[in-house]
Amino acid sequence: QGQLVESGGGLVQPGGSLTLSCVVSGFYFDMVSMNWHRQAPGKEREWIANIAADGAKTSYTDSVKDRFIISRDNSKNTVFLQMSGLQPDDTGVYFCQSGLNHWGKGTLVTVSS
């Protein structure tokens, strides 16, 4: 069974930056694409970024393009989400998901002054 554990969330001021991490175990990480999703208060969960198994290709939803960067370190079974230019609309619980549909429990990001 795959296990995903997110970390790195917290409170940040508008315009600030955070980097989230998701450590994976239980499957061959370097053979599986990974995604980040988020769920804002009162809203449905939305996909925000994907990275291919070898890290060669990434994609983003329009609202985070040019502000967020997804990356991975296959030697450490970890996927990252570097977030910059954070705004209150970025507030929510951030989840990582494997291409095999394993999910973490999420990490809370709050953007507020």
PDB file of N, CA and C in Angstrom:
ATOM      1  N   GLN A   1       0.840  -1.204   0.000  1.00  0.00           N
ATOM      2  CA  GLN A   1       0.000   0.000   0.000  1.00  0.00           C
ATOM      3  C   GLN A   1       0.862   1.236   0.000  1.00  0.00           C
ATOM      4  N   GLY A   2       0.571   2.147  -0.898  1.00  0.00           N
ATOM      5  CA  GLY A   2       1.330   3.378  -0.940  1.00  0.00           C
ATOM      6  C   GLY A   2       0.959   4.293   0.204  1.00  0.00           C
ATOM      7  N   GLN A   3       1.985   4.978   0.703  1.00  0.00           N
ATOM      8  CA  GLN A   3       1.767   5.981   1.750  1.00  0.00           C
ATOM      9  C   GLN A   3       2.399   7.288   1.312  1.00  0.00           C
ATOM     10  N   LEU A   4       1.664   8.383   1.476  1.00  0.00           N
ATOM     11  CA  LEU A   4       2.124   9.706   1.107  1.00  0.00           C
ATOM     12  C   LEU A   4       1.950  10.613   2.324  1.00  0.00           C
ATOM     13  N   VAL A   5       2.999  11.336   2.670  1.00  0.00           N
ATOM     14  CA  VAL A   5       2.942  12.229   3.823  1.00  0.00           C
ATOM     15  C   VAL A   5       3.406  13.613   3.402  1.00  0.00           C
ATOM     16  N   GLU A   6       2.467  14.560   3.446  1.00  0.00           N
ATOM     17  CA  GLU A   6       2.781  15.942   3.092  1.00  0.00           C
ATOM     18  C   GLU A   6       3.276  16.709   4.309  1.00  0.00           C
ATOM     19  N   SER A   7       4.097  17.722   4.035  1.00  0.00           N
ATOM     20  CA  SER A   7       4.551  18.621   5.091  1.00  0.00           C
ATOM     21  C   SER A   7       4.912  19.959   4.469  1.00  0.00           C
ATOM     22  N   GLY A   8       5.133  20.954   5.336  1.00  0.00           N
ATOM     23  CA  GLY A   8       5.590  22.253   4.863  1.00  0.00           C
ATOM     24  C   GLY A   8       4.536  23.342   4.863  1.00  0.00           C
ATOM     25  N   GLY A   9       3.295  22.993   5.181  1.00  0.00           N
ATOM     26  CA  GLY A   9       2.263  24.009   5.222  1.00  0.00           C
ATOM     27  C   GLY A   9       2.440  24.937   6.408  1.00  0.00           C
ATOM     28  N   GLY A  10       1.664  26.025   6.410  1.00  0.00           N
ATOM     29  CA  GLY A  10       1.730  26.965   7.511  1.00  0.00           C
ATOM     30  C   GLY A  10       1.067  28.266   7.142  1.00  0.00           C
ATOM     31  N   LEU A  11       1.303  29.267   7.979  1.00  0.00           N
ATOM     32  CA  LEU A  11       0.750  30.604   7.757  1.00  0.00           C
ATOM     33  C   LEU A  11       1.794  31.469   7.064  1.00  0.00           C
ATOM     34  N   VAL A  12       1.379  32.130   6.001  1.00  0.00           N
ATOM     35  CA  VAL A  12       2.298  32.992   5.260  1.00  0.00           C
ATOM     36  C   VAL A  12       1.550  34.256   4.856  1.00  0.00           C
ATOM     37  N   GLN A  13       2.264  35.356   4.793  1.00  0.00           N
ATOM     38  CA  GLN A  13       1.660  36.620   4.391  1.00  0.00           C
ATOM     39  C   GLN A  13       1.481  36.672   2.872  1.00  0.00           C
ATOM     40  N   PRO A  14       0.528  37.448   2.400  1.00  0.00           N
ATOM     41  CA  PRO A  14       0.373  37.619   0.956  1.00  0.00           C
ATOM     42  C   PRO A  14       1.681  38.058   0.314  1.00  0.00           C
ATOM     43  N   GLY A  15       1.969  37.444  -0.825  1.00  0.00           N
ATOM     44  CA  GLY A  15       3.226  37.715  -1.509  1.00  0.00           C
ATOM     45  C   GLY A  15       4.357  36.814  -1.076  1.00  0.00           C
ATOM     46  N   GLY A  16       4.133  36.029  -0.046  1.00  0.00           N
ATOM     47  CA  GLY A  16       5.185  35.165   0.480  1.00  0.00           C
ATOM     48  C   GLY A  16       5.327  33.859  -0.269  1.00  0.00           C
ATOM     49  N   SER A  17       6.229  33.015   0.258  1.00  0.00           N
ATOM     50  CA  SER A  17       6.556  31.748  -0.386  1.00  0.00           C
ATOM     51  C   SER A  17       6.536  30.611   0.623  1.00  0.00           C
ATOM     52  N   LEU A  18       6.256  29.434   0.127  1.00  0.00           N
ATOM     53  CA  LEU A  18       6.336  28.204   0.918  1.00  0.00           C
ATOM     54  C   LEU A  18       6.735  27.082  -0.024  1.00  0.00           C
ATOM     55  N   THR A  19       7.393  26.071   0.524  1.00  0.00           N
ATOM     56  CA  THR A  19       7.668  24.860  -0.235  1.00  0.00           C
ATOM     57  C   THR A  19       7.081  23.669   0.501  1.00  0.00           C
ATOM     58  N   LEU A  20       6.213  22.956  -0.182  1.00  0.00           N
ATOM     59  CA  LEU A  20       5.610  21.749   0.365  1.00  0.00           C
ATOM     60  C   LEU A  20       6.402  20.523  -0.086  1.00  0.00           C
ATOM     61  N   SER A  21       6.408  19.503   0.760  1.00  0.00           N
ATOM     62  CA  SER A  21       7.049  18.235   0.436  1.00  0.00           C
ATOM     63  C   SER A  21       6.053  17.108   0.612  1.00  0.00           C
ATOM     64  N   CYS A  22       6.252  16.051  -0.143  1.00  0.00           N
ATOM     65  CA  CYS A  22       5.423  14.852  -0.018  1.00  0.00           C
ATOM     66  C   CYS A  22       6.365  13.655  -0.123  1.00  0.00           C
ATOM     67  N   VAL A  23       6.522  12.948   0.976  1.00  0.00           N
ATOM     68  CA  VAL A  23       7.397  11.770   1.018  1.00  0.00           C
ATOM     69  C   VAL A  23       6.547  10.534   0.780  1.00  0.00           C
ATOM     70  N   VAL A  24       7.043   9.687  -0.089  1.00  0.00           N
ATOM     71  CA  VAL A  24       6.266   8.538  -0.571  1.00  0.00           C
ATOM     72  C   VAL A  24       6.942   7.232  -0.179  1.00  0.00           C
ATOM     73  N   SER A  25       6.148   6.236   0.130  1.00  0.00           N
ATOM     74  CA  SER A  25       6.662   4.893   0.364  1.00  0.00           C
ATOM     75  C   SER A  25       5.639   3.877  -0.112  1.00  0.00           C
ATOM     76  N   GLY A  26       6.098   2.636  -0.318  1.00  0.00           N
ATOM     77  CA  GLY A  26       5.168   1.560  -0.618  1.00  0.00           C
ATOM     78  C   GLY A  26       4.970   1.230  -2.078  1.00  0.00           C
ATOM     79  N   PHE A  27       5.608   1.987  -2.970  1.00  0.00           N
ATOM     80  CA  PHE A  27       5.552   1.636  -4.384  1.00  0.00           C
ATOM     81  C   PHE A  27       6.784   2.221  -5.059  1.00  0.00           C
ATOM     82  N   TYR A  28       6.976   1.852  -6.336  1.00  0.00           N
ATOM     83  CA  TYR A  28       8.153   2.310  -7.067  1.00  0.00           C
ATOM     84  C   TYR A  28       7.939   3.757  -7.506  1.00  0.00           C
ATOM     85  N   PHE A  29       8.374   4.664  -6.658  1.00  0.00           N
ATOM     86  CA  PHE A  29       8.131   6.099  -6.855  1.00  0.00           C
ATOM     87  C   PHE A  29       8.614   6.566  -8.219  1.00  0.00           C
ATOM     88  N   ASP A  30       9.782   6.092  -8.651  1.00  0.00           N
ATOM     89  CA  ASP A  30      10.370   6.621  -9.878  1.00  0.00           C
ATOM     90  C   ASP A  30       9.686   6.104 -11.139  1.00  0.00           C
ATOM     91  N   MET A  31       8.633   5.332 -10.975  1.00  0.00           N
ATOM     92  CA  MET A  31       7.883   4.839 -12.121  1.00  0.00           C
ATOM     93  C   MET A  31       6.490   5.453 -12.213  1.00  0.00           C
ATOM     94  N   VAL A  32       6.200   6.391 -11.325  1.00  0.00           N
ATOM     95  CA  VAL A  32       4.827   6.886 -11.194  1.00  0.00           C
ATOM     96  C   VAL A  32       4.792   8.403 -11.266  1.00  0.00           C
ATOM     97  N   SER A  33       3.866   8.948 -12.050  1.00  0.00           N
ATOM     98  CA  SER A  33       3.673  10.393 -12.042  1.00  0.00           C
ATOM     99  C   SER A  33       3.040  10.816 -10.715  1.00  0.00           C
ATOM    100  N   MET A  34       3.190  12.104 -10.411  1.00  0.00           N
ATOM    101  CA  MET A  34       2.663  12.621  -9.150  1.00  0.00           C
ATOM    102  C   MET A  34       1.891  13.916  -9.398  1.00  0.00           C
ATOM    103  N   ASN A  35       0.926  14.161  -8.548  1.00  0.00           N
ATOM    104  CA  ASN A  35       0.102  15.357  -8.646  1.00  0.00           C
ATOM    105  C   ASN A  35       0.020  16.075  -7.301  1.00  0.00           C
ATOM    106  N   TRP A  36      -0.223  17.361  -7.382  1.00  0.00           N
ATOM    107  CA  TRP A  36      -0.649  18.146  -6.227  1.00  0.00           C
ATOM    108  C   TRP A  36      -2.072  18.645  -6.506  1.00  0.00           C
ATOM    109  N   HIS A  37      -2.874  18.608  -5.465  1.00  0.00           N
ATOM    110  CA  HIS A  37      -4.228  19.141  -5.497  1.00  0.00           C
ATOM    111  C   HIS A  37      -4.390  20.075  -4.302  1.00  0.00           C
ATOM    112  N   ARG A  38      -5.427  20.871  -4.323  1.00  0.00           N
ATOM    113  CA  ARG A  38      -5.736  21.661  -3.134  1.00  0.00           C
ATOM    114  C   ARG A  38      -7.248  21.779  -2.985  1.00  0.00           C
ATOM    115  N   GLN A  39      -7.652  22.021  -1.745  1.00  0.00           N
ATOM    116  CA  GLN A  39      -9.065  22.221  -1.452  1.00  0.00           C
ATOM    117  C   GLN A  39      -9.207  23.456  -0.587  1.00  0.00           C
ATOM    118  N   ALA A  40      -9.788  24.487  -1.175  1.00  0.00           N
ATOM    119  CA  ALA A  40     -10.037  25.715  -0.436  1.00  0.00           C
ATOM    120  C   ALA A  40     -11.267  25.540   0.447  1.00  0.00           C
ATOM    121  N   PRO A  41     -11.372  26.332   1.509  1.00  0.00           N
ATOM    122  CA  PRO A  41     -12.535  26.218   2.390  1.00  0.00           C
ATOM    123  C   PRO A  41     -13.834  26.373   1.623  1.00  0.00           C
ATOM    124  N   GLY A  42     -14.729  25.418   1.777  1.00  0.00           N
ATOM    125  CA  GLY A  42     -16.038  25.491   1.144  1.00  0.00           C
ATOM    126  C   GLY A  42     -16.055  25.183  -0.332  1.00  0.00           C
ATOM    127  N   LYS A  43     -14.917  24.744  -0.873  1.00  0.00           N
ATOM    128  CA  LYS A  43     -14.845  24.468  -2.309  1.00  0.00           C
ATOM    129  C   LYS A  43     -14.432  23.027  -2.563  1.00  0.00           C
ATOM    130  N   GLU A  44     -14.620  22.599  -3.794  1.00  0.00           N
ATOM    131  CA  GLU A  44     -14.209  21.255  -4.161  1.00  0.00           C
ATOM    132  C   GLU A  44     -12.699  21.198  -4.338  1.00  0.00           C
ATOM    133  N   ARG A  45     -12.174  19.996  -4.179  1.00  0.00           N
ATOM    134  CA  ARG A  45     -10.748  19.787  -4.407  1.00  0.00           C
ATOM    135  C   ARG A  45     -10.434  20.019  -5.881  1.00  0.00           C
ATOM    136  N   GLU A  46      -9.309  20.688  -6.158  1.00  0.00           N
ATOM    137  CA  GLU A  46      -8.908  20.948  -7.529  1.00  0.00           C
ATOM    138  C   GLU A  46      -7.474  20.486  -7.764  1.00  0.00           C
ATOM    139  N   TRP A  47      -7.240  19.974  -8.953  1.00  0.00           N
ATOM    140  CA  TRP A  47      -5.887  19.610  -9.363  1.00  0.00           C
ATOM    141  C   TRP A  47      -5.112  20.873  -9.679  1.00  0.00           C
ATOM    142  N   ILE A  48      -3.838  20.920  -9.287  1.00  0.00           N
ATOM    143  CA  ILE A  48      -3.049  22.102  -9.585  1.00  0.00           C
ATOM    144  C   ILE A  48      -1.743  21.826 -10.320  1.00  0.00           C
ATOM    145  N   ALA A  49      -1.162  20.639 -10.171  1.00  0.00           N
ATOM    146  CA  ALA A  49       0.117  20.410 -10.845  1.00  0.00           C
ATOM    147  C   ALA A  49       0.387  18.911 -10.987  1.00  0.00           C
ATOM    148  N   ASN A  50       1.126  18.588 -12.038  1.00  0.00           N
ATOM    149  CA  ASN A  50       1.515  17.201 -12.315  1.00  0.00           C
ATOM    150  C   ASN A  50       2.972  17.166 -12.731  1.00  0.00           C
ATOM    151  N   ILE A  51       3.646  16.081 -12.388  1.00  0.00           N
ATOM    152  CA  ILE A  51       5.006  15.872 -12.847  1.00  0.00           C
ATOM    153  C   ILE A  51       5.143  14.423 -13.289  1.00  0.00           C
ATOM    154  N   ALA A  52       5.794  14.225 -14.416  1.00  0.00           N
ATOM    155  CA  ALA A  52       6.002  12.881 -14.939  1.00  0.00           C
ATOM    156  C   ALA A  52       6.939  12.086 -14.037  1.00  0.00           C
ATOM    157  N   ALA A  53       6.960  10.776 -14.242  1.00  0.00           N
ATOM    158  CA  ALA A  53       7.746   9.895 -13.380  1.00  0.00           C
ATOM    159  C   ALA A  53       9.230  10.244 -13.385  1.00  0.00           C
ATOM    160  N   ASP A  54       9.738  10.651 -14.545  1.00  0.00           N
ATOM    161  CA  ASP A  54      11.155  11.011 -14.640  1.00  0.00           C
ATOM    162  C   ASP A  54      11.398  12.495 -14.435  1.00  0.00           C
ATOM    163  N   GLY A  55      10.347  13.228 -14.153  1.00  0.00           N
ATOM    164  CA  GLY A  55      10.474  14.660 -13.906  1.00  0.00           C
ATOM    165  C   GLY A  55      10.647  15.511 -15.140  1.00  0.00           C
ATOM    166  N   ALA A  56      10.602  14.897 -16.316  1.00  0.00           N
ATOM    167  CA  ALA A  56      10.911  15.617 -17.544  1.00  0.00           C
ATOM    168  C   ALA A  56       9.782  16.543 -17.998  1.00  0.00           C
ATOM    169  N   LYS A  57       8.574  16.247 -17.587  1.00  0.00           N
ATOM    170  CA  LYS A  57       7.433  17.044 -18.026  1.00  0.00           C
ATOM    171  C   LYS A  57       6.583  17.440 -16.828  1.00  0.00           C
ATOM    172  N   THR A  58       6.164  18.701 -16.836  1.00  0.00           N
ATOM    173  CA  THR A  58       5.288  19.205 -15.788  1.00  0.00           C
ATOM    174  C   THR A  58       4.108  19.934 -16.418  1.00  0.00           C
ATOM    175  N   SER A  59       3.026  20.027 -15.682  1.00  0.00           N
ATOM    176  CA  SER A  59       1.876  20.804 -16.139  1.00  0.00           C
ATOM    177  C   SER A  59       1.190  21.408 -14.930  1.00  0.00           C
ATOM    178  N   TYR A  60       0.459  22.516 -15.177  1.00  0.00           N
ATOM    179  CA  TYR A  60      -0.146  23.295 -14.097  1.00  0.00           C
ATOM    180  C   TYR A  60      -1.523  23.799 -14.510  1.00  0.00           C
ATOM    181  N   THR A  61      -2.363  23.989 -13.511  1.00  0.00           N
ATOM    182  CA  THR A  61      -3.580  24.706 -13.784  1.00  0.00           C
ATOM    183  C   THR A  61      -3.257  26.192 -13.943  1.00  0.00           C
ATOM    184  N   ASP A  62      -4.088  26.892 -14.701  1.00  0.00           N
ATOM    185  CA  ASP A  62      -3.754  28.276 -15.048  1.00  0.00           C
ATOM    186  C   ASP A  62      -3.555  29.181 -13.833  1.00  0.00           C
ATOM    187  N   SER A  63      -4.295  28.941 -12.772  1.00  0.00           N
ATOM    188  CA  SER A  63      -4.251  29.858 -11.626  1.00  0.00           C
ATOM    189  C   SER A  63      -2.912  29.835 -10.886  1.00  0.00           C
ATOM    190  N   VAL A  64      -2.108  28.803 -11.091  1.00  0.00           N
ATOM    191  CA  VAL A  64      -0.827  28.730 -10.377  1.00  0.00           C
ATOM    192  C   VAL A  64       0.370  28.775 -11.322  1.00  0.00           C
ATOM    193  N   LYS A  65       0.090  28.720 -12.614  1.00  0.00           N
ATOM    194  CA  LYS A  65       1.180  28.745 -13.592  1.00  0.00           C
ATOM    195  C   LYS A  65       2.011  30.006 -13.395  1.00  0.00           C
ATOM    196  N   ASP A  66       3.306  29.880 -13.474  1.00  0.00           N
ATOM    197  CA  ASP A  66       4.266  30.984 -13.305  1.00  0.00           C
ATOM    198  C   ASP A  66       4.467  31.390 -11.850  1.00  0.00           C
ATOM    199  N   ARG A  67       3.727  30.774 -10.918  1.00  0.00           N
ATOM    200  CA  ARG A  67       3.953  31.056  -9.494  1.00  0.00           C
ATOM    201  C   ARG A  67       4.398  29.811  -8.723  1.00  0.00           C
ATOM    202  N   PHE A  68       3.935  28.647  -9.154  1.00  0.00           N
ATOM    203  CA  PHE A  68       4.248  27.394  -8.464  1.00  0.00           C
ATOM    204  C   PHE A  68       5.159  26.542  -9.348  1.00  0.00           C
ATOM    205  N   ILE A  69       6.026  25.779  -8.712  1.00  0.00           N
ATOM    206  CA  ILE A  69       6.888  24.846  -9.426  1.00  0.00           C
ATOM    207  C   ILE A  69       6.811  23.484  -8.753  1.00  0.00           C
ATOM    208  N   ILE A  70       6.459  22.463  -9.531  1.00  0.00           N
ATOM    209  CA  ILE A  70       6.464  21.091  -9.023  1.00  0.00           C
ATOM    210  C   ILE A  70       7.779  20.447  -9.434  1.00  0.00           C
ATOM    211  N   SER A  71       8.365  19.700  -8.517  1.00  0.00           N
ATOM    212  CA  SER A  71       9.618  19.010  -8.805  1.00  0.00           C
ATOM    213  C   SER A  71       9.646  17.718  -7.991  1.00  0.00           C
ATOM    214  N   ARG A  72      10.639  16.880  -8.257  1.00  0.00           N
ATOM    215  CA  ARG A  72      10.748  15.626  -7.532  1.00  0.00           C
ATOM    216  C   ARG A  72      12.201  15.225  -7.411  1.00  0.00           C
ATOM    217  N   ASP A  73      12.480  14.473  -6.354  1.00  0.00           N
ATOM    218  CA  ASP A  73      13.789  13.887  -6.153  1.00  0.00           C
ATOM    219  C   ASP A  73      13.563  12.384  -6.012  1.00  0.00           C
ATOM    220  N   ASN A  74      13.794  11.661  -7.087  1.00  0.00           N
ATOM    221  CA  ASN A  74      13.501  10.227  -7.075  1.00  0.00           C
ATOM    222  C   ASN A  74      14.439   9.446  -6.149  1.00  0.00           C
ATOM    223  N   SER A  75      15.583  10.026  -5.829  1.00  0.00           N
ATOM    224  CA  SER A  75      16.496   9.354  -4.890  1.00  0.00           C
ATOM    225  C   SER A  75      15.993   9.438  -3.454  1.00  0.00           C
ATOM    226  N   LYS A  76      15.056  10.371  -3.218  1.00  0.00           N
ATOM    227  CA  LYS A  76      14.516  10.564  -1.871  1.00  0.00           C
ATOM    228  C   LYS A  76      13.012  10.286  -1.801  1.00  0.00           C
ATOM    229  N   ASN A  77      12.461   9.734  -2.895  1.00  0.00           N
ATOM    230  CA  ASN A  77      11.017   9.429  -2.935  1.00  0.00           C
ATOM    231  C   ASN A  77      10.176  10.622  -2.501  1.00  0.00           C
ATOM    232  N   THR A  78      10.525  11.791  -2.998  1.00  0.00           N
ATOM    233  CA  THR A  78       9.873  13.011  -2.549  1.00  0.00           C
ATOM    234  C   THR A  78       9.465  13.877  -3.738  1.00  0.00           C
ATOM    235  N   VAL A  79       8.285  14.438  -3.645  1.00  0.00           N
ATOM    236  CA  VAL A  79       7.824  15.435  -4.611  1.00  0.00           C
ATOM    237  C   VAL A  79       7.611  16.748  -3.866  1.00  0.00           C
ATOM    238  N   PHE A  80       7.922  17.841  -4.547  1.00  0.00           N
ATOM    239  CA  PHE A  80       7.882  19.167  -3.933  1.00  0.00           C
ATOM    240  C   PHE A  80       6.909  20.071  -4.681  1.00  0.00           C
ATOM    241  N   LEU A  81       6.446  21.086  -3.972  1.00  0.00           N
ATOM    242  CA  LEU A  81       5.686  22.150  -4.608  1.00  0.00           C
ATOM    243  C   LEU A  81       6.211  23.471  -4.053  1.00  0.00           C
ATOM    244  N   GLN A  82       6.961  24.181  -4.881  1.00  0.00           N
ATOM    245  CA  GLN A  82       7.464  25.489  -4.509  1.00  0.00           C
ATOM    246  C   GLN A  82       6.416  26.515  -4.891  1.00  0.00           C
ATOM    247  N   MET A  83       5.981  27.280  -3.914  1.00  0.00           N
ATOM    248  CA  MET A  83       4.916  28.245  -4.133  1.00  0.00           C
ATOM    249  C   MET A  83       5.431  29.643  -3.836  1.00  0.00           C
ATOM    250  N   SER A  84       5.225  30.544  -4.755  1.00  0.00           N
ATOM    251  CA  SER A  84       5.626  31.928  -4.550  1.00  0.00           C
ATOM    252  C   SER A  84       4.480  32.850  -4.951  1.00  0.00           C
ATOM    253  N   GLY A  85       4.596  34.114  -4.562  1.00  0.00           N
ATOM    254  CA  GLY A  85       3.527  35.048  -4.875  1.00  0.00           C
ATOM    255  C   GLY A  85       2.191  34.621  -4.310  1.00  0.00           C
ATOM    256  N   LEU A  86       2.209  34.044  -3.110  1.00  0.00           N
ATOM    257  CA  LEU A  86       0.981  33.491  -2.540  1.00  0.00           C
ATOM    258  C   LEU A  86      -0.037  34.572  -2.238  1.00  0.00           C
ATOM    259  N   GLN A  87      -1.279  34.242  -2.485  1.00  0.00           N
ATOM    260  CA  GLN A  87      -2.393  35.146  -2.261  1.00  0.00           C
ATOM    261  C   GLN A  87      -3.449  34.452  -1.390  1.00  0.00           C
ATOM    262  N   PRO A  88      -4.336  35.220  -0.773  1.00  0.00           N
ATOM    263  CA  PRO A  88      -5.363  34.592   0.073  1.00  0.00           C
ATOM    264  C   PRO A  88      -6.157  33.497  -0.646  1.00  0.00           C
ATOM    265  N   ASP A  89      -6.364  33.630  -1.944  1.00  0.00           N
ATOM    266  CA  ASP A  89      -7.084  32.588  -2.694  1.00  0.00           C
ATOM    267  C   ASP A  89      -6.322  31.277  -2.753  1.00  0.00           C
ATOM    268  N   ASP A  90      -5.043  31.281  -2.399  1.00  0.00           N
ATOM    269  CA  ASP A  90      -4.255  30.045  -2.373  1.00  0.00           C
ATOM    270  C   ASP A  90      -4.443  29.282  -1.072  1.00  0.00           C
ATOM    271  N   THR A  91      -5.166  29.853  -0.142  1.00  0.00           N
ATOM    272  CA  THR A  91      -5.422  29.178   1.134  1.00  0.00           C
ATOM    273  C   THR A  91      -6.195  27.879   0.915  1.00  0.00           C
ATOM    274  N   GLY A  92      -5.763  26.843   1.620  1.00  0.00           N
ATOM    275  CA  GLY A  92      -6.452  25.572   1.524  1.00  0.00           C
ATOM    276  C   GLY A  92      -5.590  24.432   2.021  1.00  0.00           C
ATOM    277  N   VAL A  93      -6.144  23.242   1.947  1.00  0.00           N
ATOM    278  CA  VAL A  93      -5.385  22.042   2.272  1.00  0.00           C
ATOM    279  C   VAL A  93      -4.805  21.497   0.969  1.00  0.00           C
ATOM    280  N   TYR A  94      -3.513  21.250   0.996  1.00  0.00           N
ATOM    281  CA  TYR A  94      -2.797  20.780  -0.184  1.00  0.00           C
ATOM    282  C   TYR A  94      -2.505  19.287  -0.025  1.00  0.00           C
ATOM    283  N   PHE A  95      -2.851  18.537  -1.067  1.00  0.00           N
ATOM    284  CA  PHE A  95      -2.718  17.089  -1.054  1.00  0.00           C
ATOM    285  C   PHE A  95      -1.797  16.648  -2.182  1.00  0.00           C
ATOM    286  N   CYS A  96      -0.991  15.621  -1.935  1.00  0.00           N
ATOM    287  CA  CYS A  96      -0.308  14.984  -3.045  1.00  0.00           C
ATOM    288  C   CYS A  96      -1.009  13.668  -3.365  1.00  0.00           C
ATOM    289  N   GLN A  97      -0.902  13.291  -4.615  1.00  0.00           N
ATOM    290  CA  GLN A  97      -1.566  12.097  -5.124  1.00  0.00           C
ATOM    291  C   GLN A  97      -0.628  11.405  -6.089  1.00  0.00           C
ATOM    292  N   SER A  98      -0.560  10.088  -5.992  1.00  0.00           N
ATOM    293  CA  SER A  98       0.258   9.339  -6.939  1.00  0.00           C
ATOM    294  C   SER A  98      -0.555   9.003  -8.185  1.00  0.00           C
ATOM    295  N   GLY A  99       0.165   8.673  -9.234  1.00  0.00           N
ATOM    296  CA  GLY A  99      -0.491   8.208 -10.445  1.00  0.00           C
ATOM    297  C   GLY A  99      -1.221   6.889 -10.266  1.00  0.00           C
ATOM    298  N   LEU A 100      -1.000   6.239  -9.124  1.00  0.00           N
ATOM    299  CA  LEU A 100      -1.715   5.010  -8.779  1.00  0.00           C
ATOM    300  C   LEU A 100      -2.907   5.307  -7.872  1.00  0.00           C
ATOM    301  N   ASN A 101      -3.197   6.598  -7.705  1.00  0.00           N
ATOM    302  CA  ASN A 101      -4.337   7.076  -6.922  1.00  0.00           C
ATOM    303  C   ASN A 101      -4.197   6.856  -5.423  1.00  0.00           C
ATOM    304  N   HIS A 102      -2.958   6.911  -4.928  1.00  0.00           N
ATOM    305  CA  HIS A 102      -2.751   7.007  -3.493  1.00  0.00           C
ATOM    306  C   HIS A 102      -2.810   8.478  -3.118  1.00  0.00           C
ATOM    307  N   TRP A 103      -3.348   8.779  -1.923  1.00  0.00           N
ATOM    308  CA  TRP A 103      -3.485  10.157  -1.471  1.00  0.00           C
ATOM    309  C   TRP A 103      -2.860  10.333  -0.087  1.00  0.00           C
ATOM    310  N   GLY A 104      -2.281  11.513   0.113  1.00  0.00           N
ATOM    311  CA  GLY A 104      -1.872  11.880   1.446  1.00  0.00           C
ATOM    312  C   GLY A 104      -3.030  12.506   2.196  1.00  0.00           C
ATOM    313  N   LYS A 105      -2.777  12.868   3.458  1.00  0.00           N
ATOM    314  CA  LYS A 105      -3.814  13.464   4.287  1.00  0.00           C
ATOM    315  C   LYS A 105      -3.853  14.974   4.182  1.00  0.00           C
ATOM    316  N   GLY A 106      -2.836  15.553   3.542  1.00  0.00           N
ATOM    317  CA  GLY A 106      -2.849  16.973   3.284  1.00  0.00           C
ATOM    318  C   GLY A 106      -2.087  17.798   4.300  1.00  0.00           C
ATOM    319  N   THR A 107      -1.734  19.004   3.867  1.00  0.00           N
ATOM    320  CA  THR A 107      -1.082  19.986   4.738  1.00  0.00           C
ATOM    321  C   THR A 107      -1.753  21.332   4.488  1.00  0.00           C
ATOM    322  N   LEU A 108      -2.030  22.056   5.566  1.00  0.00           N
ATOM    323  CA  LEU A 108      -2.796  23.301   5.471  1.00  0.00           C
ATOM    324  C   LEU A 108      -1.894  24.482   5.168  1.00  0.00           C
ATOM    325  N   VAL A 109      -2.281  25.246   4.167  1.00  0.00           N
ATOM    326  CA  VAL A 109      -1.612  26.499   3.828  1.00  0.00           C
ATOM    327  C   VAL A 109      -2.612  27.631   4.037  1.00  0.00           C
ATOM    328  N   THR A 110      -2.211  28.595   4.847  1.00  0.00           N
ATOM    329  CA  THR A 110      -3.056  29.755   5.104  1.00  0.00           C
ATOM    330  C   THR A 110      -2.306  31.010   4.688  1.00  0.00           C
ATOM    331  N   VAL A 111      -2.899  31.772   3.784  1.00  0.00           N
ATOM    332  CA  VAL A 111      -2.285  33.009   3.309  1.00  0.00           C
ATOM    333  C   VAL A 111      -3.112  34.172   3.850  1.00  0.00           C
ATOM    334  N   SER A 112      -2.519  34.884   4.782  1.00  0.00           N
ATOM    335  CA  SER A 112      -3.253  35.951   5.456  1.00  0.00           C
ATOM    336  C   SER A 112      -2.286  36.942   6.080  1.00  0.00           C
ATOM    337  N   SER A 113      -2.704  38.194   6.126  1.00  0.00           N
ATOM    338  CA  SER A 113      -1.905  39.207   6.803  1.00  0.00           C
ATOM    339  C   SER A 113      -2.332  39.344   8.262  1.00  0.00           C
TER     340      SER A 113
END
